[in-house]
Amino acid sequence: MPKFAHPFLSKDFTEHQLYAIQVLRRFLMTDTQGVIEKLADASELRQALGLAAVPDLATLIQADARLTRKGFL
């Protein structure tokens, strides 16, 4: 898995971080908004994932589609 999805896209989150968030979402059996709320509430979780900020809804939806299309999820 490359570090970033594309050389010209934003470098706010790595593909590895977005993948970990998608795995967490599936583990918690919640939707995208639910995992955003969990990340917003749990600073220890953000720190463990190396997140400086919580990704927005569109970022996670696009990452899920991209990672699924590439066969990672």
N, C-alpha and C. Protein backbone atom coordinates (compact mmCIF):
# COMPACT_ATOMS: atom_id res chain seq x y z
N MET A 1 0.86 -1.17 0.00
CA MET A 1 0.00 0.00 0.00
C MET A 1 0.91 1.24 0.00
N PRO A 2 0.68 2.15 -0.93
CA PRO A 2 1.49 3.38 -0.94
C PRO A 2 1.16 4.26 0.26
N LYS A 3 2.10 5.13 0.61
CA LYS A 3 1.88 6.00 1.77
C LYS A 3 0.72 6.97 1.52
N PHE A 4 0.63 7.52 0.32
CA PHE A 4 -0.45 8.44 -0.03
C PHE A 4 -1.15 7.94 -1.29
N ALA A 5 -2.42 8.30 -1.42
CA ALA A 5 -3.23 7.81 -2.53
C ALA A 5 -2.73 8.31 -3.89
N HIS A 6 -2.30 9.55 -3.93
CA HIS A 6 -1.88 10.16 -5.18
C HIS A 6 -0.91 11.29 -4.86
N PRO A 7 0.09 11.50 -5.69
CA PRO A 7 1.09 12.54 -5.38
C PRO A 7 0.52 13.96 -5.27
N PHE A 8 -0.62 14.22 -5.91
CA PHE A 8 -1.15 15.58 -5.91
C PHE A 8 -2.30 15.78 -4.93
N LEU A 9 -2.74 14.73 -4.25
CA LEU A 9 -3.79 14.87 -3.26
C LEU A 9 -3.23 15.40 -1.95
N SER A 10 -4.10 15.85 -1.09
CA SER A 10 -3.72 16.37 0.22
C SER A 10 -2.93 15.33 1.01
N LYS A 11 -1.97 15.77 1.78
CA LYS A 11 -1.13 14.88 2.57
C LYS A 11 -1.51 14.93 4.05
N ASP A 12 -2.79 15.19 4.34
CA ASP A 12 -3.24 15.28 5.73
C ASP A 12 -3.24 13.92 6.43
N PHE A 13 -3.61 12.87 5.71
CA PHE A 13 -3.72 11.54 6.28
C PHE A 13 -3.06 10.54 5.33
N THR A 14 -2.35 9.56 5.90
CA THR A 14 -1.75 8.53 5.06
C THR A 14 -2.79 7.46 4.75
N GLU A 15 -2.52 6.68 3.74
CA GLU A 15 -3.40 5.58 3.40
C GLU A 15 -3.47 4.58 4.56
N HIS A 16 -2.35 4.43 5.27
CA HIS A 16 -2.32 3.51 6.40
C HIS A 16 -3.26 3.97 7.52
N GLN A 17 -3.29 5.27 7.79
CA GLN A 17 -4.19 5.81 8.80
C GLN A 17 -5.64 5.63 8.37
N LEU A 18 -5.94 5.94 7.13
CA LEU A 18 -7.30 5.80 6.63
C LEU A 18 -7.74 4.33 6.63
N TYR A 19 -6.82 3.44 6.31
CA TYR A 19 -7.12 2.01 6.36
C TYR A 19 -7.44 1.59 7.80
N ALA A 20 -6.63 2.04 8.75
CA ALA A 20 -6.85 1.70 10.16
C ALA A 20 -8.20 2.22 10.64
N ILE A 21 -8.60 3.40 10.19
CA ILE A 21 -9.90 3.95 10.57
C ILE A 21 -11.03 3.10 9.99
N GLN A 22 -10.87 2.63 8.76
CA GLN A 22 -11.91 1.79 8.14
C GLN A 22 -12.01 0.45 8.87
N VAL A 23 -10.88 -0.11 9.26
CA VAL A 23 -10.89 -1.36 10.02
C VAL A 23 -11.57 -1.14 11.37
N LEU A 24 -11.26 -0.01 12.03
CA LEU A 24 -11.89 0.34 13.30
C LEU A 24 -13.41 0.48 13.13
N ARG A 25 -13.84 1.13 12.05
CA ARG A 25 -15.26 1.31 11.78
C ARG A 25 -15.96 -0.03 11.67
N ARG A 26 -15.34 -0.95 10.96
CA ARG A 26 -15.94 -2.28 10.79
C ARG A 26 -15.91 -3.07 12.09
N PHE A 27 -14.84 -2.92 12.87
CA PHE A 27 -14.74 -3.61 14.16
C PHE A 27 -15.82 -3.12 15.12
N LEU A 28 -16.05 -1.81 15.14
CA LEU A 28 -17.07 -1.24 16.01
C LEU A 28 -18.48 -1.41 15.48
N MET A 29 -18.58 -1.92 14.24
CA MET A 29 -19.87 -2.12 13.57
C MET A 29 -20.70 -0.83 13.59
N THR A 30 -20.08 0.23 13.12
CA THR A 30 -20.75 1.52 13.07
C THR A 30 -20.62 2.09 11.67
N ASP A 31 -21.27 3.20 11.44
CA ASP A 31 -21.16 3.87 10.15
C ASP A 31 -20.01 4.88 10.20
N THR A 32 -19.81 5.58 9.11
CA THR A 32 -18.71 6.53 9.01
C THR A 32 -18.86 7.66 10.02
N GLN A 33 -20.06 8.17 10.18
CA GLN A 33 -20.28 9.24 11.15
C GLN A 33 -20.01 8.76 12.57
N GLY A 34 -20.32 7.51 12.86
CA GLY A 34 -20.07 6.95 14.18
C GLY A 34 -18.59 6.87 14.50
N VAL A 35 -17.79 6.48 13.53
CA VAL A 35 -16.34 6.39 13.78
C VAL A 35 -15.74 7.79 13.90
N ILE A 36 -16.28 8.77 13.19
CA ILE A 36 -15.82 10.15 13.33
C ILE A 36 -16.09 10.64 14.75
N GLU A 37 -17.28 10.36 15.26
CA GLU A 37 -17.62 10.76 16.63
C GLU A 37 -16.72 10.07 17.64
N LYS A 38 -16.43 8.79 17.44
CA LYS A 38 -15.55 8.04 18.34
C LYS A 38 -14.16 8.64 18.33
N LEU A 39 -13.64 8.97 17.16
CA LEU A 39 -12.31 9.58 17.06
C LEU A 39 -12.29 10.96 17.70
N ALA A 40 -13.36 11.71 17.55
CA ALA A 40 -13.42 13.05 18.13
C ALA A 40 -13.43 12.98 19.66
N ASP A 41 -14.05 11.94 20.21
CA ASP A 41 -14.15 11.79 21.66
C ASP A 41 -12.92 11.17 22.30
N ALA A 42 -12.15 10.39 21.56
CA ALA A 42 -11.06 9.61 22.13
C ALA A 42 -9.70 10.13 21.66
N SER A 43 -9.12 11.02 22.43
CA SER A 43 -7.82 11.57 22.06
C SER A 43 -6.73 10.50 22.08
N GLU A 44 -6.86 9.50 22.96
CA GLU A 44 -5.86 8.42 23.00
C GLU A 44 -5.88 7.61 21.71
N LEU A 45 -7.06 7.42 21.17
CA LEU A 45 -7.20 6.68 19.92
C LEU A 45 -6.58 7.47 18.76
N ARG A 46 -6.85 8.77 18.72
CA ARG A 46 -6.24 9.61 17.68
C ARG A 46 -4.72 9.57 17.80
N GLN A 47 -4.22 9.64 19.02
CA GLN A 47 -2.78 9.61 19.24
C GLN A 47 -2.19 8.27 18.80
N ALA A 48 -2.87 7.17 19.12
CA ALA A 48 -2.39 5.85 18.72
C ALA A 48 -2.33 5.70 17.20
N LEU A 49 -3.27 6.34 16.51
CA LEU A 49 -3.29 6.27 15.04
C LEU A 49 -2.41 7.34 14.40
N GLY A 50 -1.86 8.24 15.21
CA GLY A 50 -1.01 9.29 14.68
C GLY A 50 -1.76 10.39 13.97
N LEU A 51 -3.00 10.63 14.38
CA LEU A 51 -3.84 11.63 13.73
C LEU A 51 -3.71 12.98 14.44
N ALA A 52 -3.40 14.01 13.69
CA ALA A 52 -3.37 15.37 14.24
C ALA A 52 -4.78 15.94 14.31
N ALA A 53 -5.65 15.45 13.45
CA ALA A 53 -7.05 15.91 13.38
C ALA A 53 -7.93 14.73 12.99
N VAL A 54 -9.21 14.91 13.14
CA VAL A 54 -10.18 13.88 12.74
C VAL A 54 -10.54 14.11 11.28
N PRO A 55 -10.45 13.08 10.44
CA PRO A 55 -10.85 13.24 9.04
C PRO A 55 -12.34 13.56 8.92
N ASP A 56 -12.68 14.28 7.88
CA ASP A 56 -14.10 14.60 7.68
C ASP A 56 -14.80 13.45 6.96
N LEU A 57 -16.10 13.57 6.87
CA LEU A 57 -16.94 12.52 6.31
C LEU A 57 -16.55 12.18 4.87
N ALA A 58 -16.36 13.20 4.05
CA ALA A 58 -16.03 12.97 2.64
C ALA A 58 -14.70 12.23 2.49
N THR A 59 -13.72 12.58 3.30
CA THR A 59 -12.41 11.92 3.24
C THR A 59 -12.55 10.43 3.52
N LEU A 60 -13.32 10.08 4.54
CA LEU A 60 -13.47 8.67 4.89
C LEU A 60 -14.30 7.91 3.88
N ILE A 61 -15.31 8.53 3.32
CA ILE A 61 -16.12 7.86 2.30
C ILE A 61 -15.28 7.60 1.05
N GLN A 62 -14.52 8.58 0.63
CA GLN A 62 -13.65 8.40 -0.54
C GLN A 62 -12.57 7.37 -0.28
N ALA A 63 -12.00 7.38 0.92
CA ALA A 63 -10.97 6.40 1.27
C ALA A 63 -11.54 4.99 1.26
N ASP A 64 -12.75 4.83 1.79
CA ASP A 64 -13.38 3.51 1.82
C ASP A 64 -13.58 3.00 0.39
N ALA A 65 -14.09 3.85 -0.48
CA ALA A 65 -14.30 3.45 -1.87
C ALA A 65 -12.98 3.10 -2.55
N ARG A 66 -11.98 3.92 -2.33
CA ARG A 66 -10.67 3.71 -2.95
C ARG A 66 -10.01 2.42 -2.42
N LEU A 67 -10.02 2.22 -1.12
CA LEU A 67 -9.38 1.04 -0.54
C LEU A 67 -10.12 -0.23 -0.90
N THR A 68 -11.44 -0.16 -1.01
CA THR A 68 -12.22 -1.31 -1.44
C THR A 68 -11.94 -1.64 -2.90
N ARG A 69 -11.90 -0.61 -3.73
CA ARG A 69 -11.63 -0.80 -5.16
C ARG A 69 -10.26 -1.42 -5.38
N LYS A 70 -9.28 -1.01 -4.58
CA LYS A 70 -7.92 -1.54 -4.73
C LYS A 70 -7.74 -2.91 -4.08
N GLY A 71 -8.77 -3.38 -3.37
CA GLY A 71 -8.72 -4.71 -2.77
C GLY A 71 -8.13 -4.78 -1.38
N PHE A 72 -7.93 -3.66 -0.73
CA PHE A 72 -7.39 -3.66 0.63
C PHE A 72 -8.46 -3.93 1.67
N LEU A 73 -9.72 -3.62 1.36
CA LEU A 73 -10.82 -3.87 2.30
C LEU A 73 -11.76 -4.91 1.72
